[in-house]
Amino acid sequence: MTIGERIKKEREQCGWSQEALALAAGVSQRSIGHYELGQRDPQSVILGKIMGAMGFQMLFVKEGVESE
């Protein structure tokens, strides 16, 4: 599973739209779409903003490892 696929999975589990995530993370909806489709990888700073907005784990998003 790619970083984008994991972002999408977490976003959907939270019940958020791409627009809501983009607004909360301070990025464009278009960027979220690009990340989820694997067209671009988010820079570390942006990834941190996305994760902070949704409160999910760095290891899951970057490597697919879920914490207990």
N, C-alpha and C. Protein backbone atom coordinates (compact mmCIF):
# COMPACT_ATOMS: atom_id res chain seq x y z
N MET A 1 0.84 -1.17 0.00
CA MET A 1 0.00 0.00 0.00
C MET A 1 0.90 1.25 0.00
N THR A 2 0.59 2.20 -0.84
CA THR A 2 1.40 3.42 -0.95
C THR A 2 1.02 4.43 0.14
N ILE A 3 1.83 5.45 0.30
CA ILE A 3 1.52 6.52 1.26
C ILE A 3 0.16 7.13 0.91
N GLY A 4 -0.07 7.39 -0.36
CA GLY A 4 -1.33 7.98 -0.78
C GLY A 4 -2.53 7.09 -0.46
N GLU A 5 -2.37 5.79 -0.67
CA GLU A 5 -3.46 4.86 -0.36
C GLU A 5 -3.73 4.84 1.14
N ARG A 6 -2.68 4.94 1.94
CA ARG A 6 -2.87 4.95 3.40
C ARG A 6 -3.52 6.26 3.85
N ILE A 7 -3.13 7.38 3.23
CA ILE A 7 -3.79 8.66 3.56
C ILE A 7 -5.28 8.55 3.24
N LYS A 8 -5.60 8.03 2.07
CA LYS A 8 -7.00 7.90 1.67
C LYS A 8 -7.76 6.99 2.63
N LYS A 9 -7.16 5.87 2.99
CA LYS A 9 -7.81 4.93 3.90
C LYS A 9 -8.13 5.61 5.23
N GLU A 10 -7.17 6.30 5.78
CA GLU A 10 -7.39 6.97 7.06
C GLU A 10 -8.43 8.09 6.92
N ARG A 11 -8.35 8.85 5.84
CA ARG A 11 -9.31 9.94 5.61
C ARG A 11 -10.72 9.39 5.54
N GLU A 12 -10.91 8.32 4.80
CA GLU A 12 -12.24 7.72 4.66
C GLU A 12 -12.74 7.13 5.98
N GLN A 13 -11.83 6.52 6.76
CA GLN A 13 -12.23 5.96 8.04
C GLN A 13 -12.67 7.06 9.00
N CYS A 14 -12.11 8.26 8.84
CA CYS A 14 -12.51 9.40 9.67
C CYS A 14 -13.77 10.06 9.14
N GLY A 15 -14.22 9.65 7.95
CA GLY A 15 -15.42 10.23 7.36
C GLY A 15 -15.20 11.62 6.78
N TRP A 16 -13.96 11.92 6.42
CA TRP A 16 -13.61 13.25 5.89
C TRP A 16 -13.60 13.22 4.37
N SER A 17 -13.98 14.35 3.78
CA SER A 17 -13.81 14.54 2.34
C SER A 17 -12.38 15.02 2.09
N GLN A 18 -11.96 14.97 0.84
CA GLN A 18 -10.65 15.53 0.50
C GLN A 18 -10.62 17.02 0.83
N GLU A 19 -11.72 17.69 0.59
CA GLU A 19 -11.80 19.13 0.86
C GLU A 19 -11.62 19.43 2.35
N ALA A 20 -12.27 18.64 3.20
CA ALA A 20 -12.16 18.85 4.65
C ALA A 20 -10.73 18.61 5.12
N LEU A 21 -10.10 17.55 4.62
CA LEU A 21 -8.72 17.27 5.00
C LEU A 21 -7.79 18.39 4.52
N ALA A 22 -7.99 18.81 3.29
CA ALA A 22 -7.15 19.87 2.74
C ALA A 22 -7.25 21.15 3.57
N LEU A 23 -8.47 21.51 3.95
CA LEU A 23 -8.67 22.71 4.76
C LEU A 23 -8.01 22.58 6.12
N ALA A 24 -8.18 21.43 6.76
CA ALA A 24 -7.59 21.21 8.09
C ALA A 24 -6.07 21.17 8.05
N ALA A 25 -5.51 20.66 6.95
CA ALA A 25 -4.05 20.51 6.85
C ALA A 25 -3.38 21.73 6.21
N GLY A 26 -4.18 22.64 5.65
CA GLY A 26 -3.61 23.83 5.03
C GLY A 26 -2.98 23.59 3.68
N VAL A 27 -3.53 22.64 2.94
CA VAL A 27 -3.06 22.35 1.58
C VAL A 27 -4.26 22.38 0.65
N SER A 28 -4.02 22.32 -0.64
CA SER A 28 -5.13 22.34 -1.59
C SER A 28 -5.78 20.96 -1.72
N GLN A 29 -7.06 20.98 -2.07
CA GLN A 29 -7.76 19.72 -2.32
C GLN A 29 -7.10 18.98 -3.48
N ARG A 30 -6.64 19.72 -4.45
CA ARG A 30 -5.96 19.11 -5.60
C ARG A 30 -4.73 18.33 -5.15
N SER A 31 -3.98 18.90 -4.20
CA SER A 31 -2.79 18.21 -3.69
C SER A 31 -3.17 16.91 -3.00
N ILE A 32 -4.22 16.95 -2.18
CA ILE A 32 -4.67 15.72 -1.51
C ILE A 32 -5.01 14.66 -2.57
N GLY A 33 -5.70 15.07 -3.60
CA GLY A 33 -6.04 14.13 -4.68
C GLY A 33 -4.81 13.54 -5.34
N HIS A 34 -3.82 14.37 -5.61
CA HIS A 34 -2.57 13.89 -6.21
C HIS A 34 -1.87 12.89 -5.30
N TYR A 35 -1.85 13.18 -4.00
CA TYR A 35 -1.20 12.26 -3.06
C TYR A 35 -1.93 10.93 -3.05
N GLU A 36 -3.26 10.97 -2.96
CA GLU A 36 -4.03 9.73 -2.87
C GLU A 36 -3.95 8.89 -4.14
N LEU A 37 -3.82 9.54 -5.28
CA LEU A 37 -3.70 8.81 -6.55
C LEU A 37 -2.27 8.36 -6.85
N GLY A 38 -1.33 8.75 -6.00
CA GLY A 38 0.06 8.37 -6.21
C GLY A 38 0.75 9.18 -7.29
N GLN A 39 0.17 10.31 -7.66
CA GLN A 39 0.78 11.16 -8.69
C GLN A 39 1.91 12.01 -8.11
N ARG A 40 1.86 12.22 -6.81
CA ARG A 40 2.92 12.95 -6.10
C ARG A 40 3.01 12.39 -4.70
N ASP A 41 4.19 12.50 -4.10
CA ASP A 41 4.36 12.15 -2.70
C ASP A 41 4.46 13.45 -1.91
N PRO A 42 3.78 13.52 -0.77
CA PRO A 42 3.85 14.74 0.02
C PRO A 42 5.23 14.92 0.65
N GLN A 43 5.68 16.16 0.73
CA GLN A 43 6.91 16.46 1.44
C GLN A 43 6.68 16.18 2.92
N SER A 44 7.76 15.98 3.65
CA SER A 44 7.65 15.62 5.08
C SER A 44 6.83 16.63 5.86
N VAL A 45 7.02 17.91 5.59
CA VAL A 45 6.28 18.94 6.32
C VAL A 45 4.79 18.82 6.05
N ILE A 46 4.43 18.61 4.79
CA ILE A 46 3.02 18.47 4.41
C ILE A 46 2.43 17.19 5.00
N LEU A 47 3.19 16.11 4.96
CA LEU A 47 2.74 14.86 5.53
C LEU A 47 2.46 15.04 7.02
N GLY A 48 3.32 15.78 7.70
CA GLY A 48 3.12 16.07 9.11
C GLY A 48 1.84 16.85 9.35
N LYS A 49 1.53 17.80 8.48
CA LYS A 49 0.30 18.58 8.61
C LYS A 49 -0.93 17.70 8.40
N ILE A 50 -0.86 16.83 7.41
CA ILE A 50 -1.98 15.92 7.14
C ILE A 50 -2.20 15.00 8.33
N MET A 51 -1.13 14.43 8.84
CA MET A 51 -1.24 13.52 9.97
C MET A 51 -1.74 14.24 11.21
N GLY A 52 -1.23 15.46 11.44
CA GLY A 52 -1.67 16.23 12.59
C GLY A 52 -3.14 16.58 12.52
N ALA A 53 -3.61 16.90 11.33
CA ALA A 53 -5.01 17.26 11.15
C ALA A 53 -5.93 16.09 11.49
N MET A 54 -5.50 14.89 11.15
CA MET A 54 -6.35 13.72 11.36
C MET A 54 -5.95 12.89 12.56
N GLY A 55 -4.78 13.16 13.12
CA GLY A 55 -4.34 12.45 14.32
C GLY A 55 -3.99 10.99 14.09
N PHE A 56 -3.40 10.67 12.93
CA PHE A 56 -3.01 9.28 12.73
C PHE A 56 -1.50 9.10 12.79
N GLN A 57 -1.09 7.86 12.84
CA GLN A 57 0.28 7.49 13.16
C GLN A 57 1.25 7.61 11.98
N MET A 58 2.41 8.18 12.23
CA MET A 58 3.47 8.33 11.23
C MET A 58 3.89 6.99 10.65
N LEU A 59 4.09 5.99 11.49
CA LEU A 59 4.56 4.69 10.98
C LEU A 59 3.54 4.06 10.04
N PHE A 60 2.26 4.23 10.32
CA PHE A 60 1.26 3.64 9.41
C PHE A 60 1.30 4.33 8.06
N VAL A 61 1.35 5.65 8.06
CA VAL A 61 1.30 6.37 6.81
C VAL A 61 2.57 6.14 6.00
N LYS A 62 3.72 6.20 6.63
CA LYS A 62 4.98 6.07 5.90
C LYS A 62 5.32 4.62 5.55
N GLU A 63 5.01 3.69 6.46
CA GLU A 63 5.49 2.32 6.26
C GLU A 63 4.41 1.25 6.34
N GLY A 64 3.19 1.62 6.69
CA GLY A 64 2.11 0.64 6.79
C GLY A 64 2.11 -0.14 8.08
N VAL A 65 2.85 0.34 9.09
CA VAL A 65 2.93 -0.34 10.37
C VAL A 65 1.93 0.30 11.33
N GLU A 66 1.00 -0.50 11.83
CA GLU A 66 0.00 0.02 12.78
C GLU A 66 0.48 -0.21 14.20
N SER A 67 0.30 0.83 15.04
CA SER A 67 0.69 0.69 16.45
C SER A 67 -0.44 0.05 17.22
N GLU A 68 -0.09 -0.53 18.36
CA GLU A 68 -1.09 -1.22 19.20
C GLU A 68 -1.84 -0.24 20.04
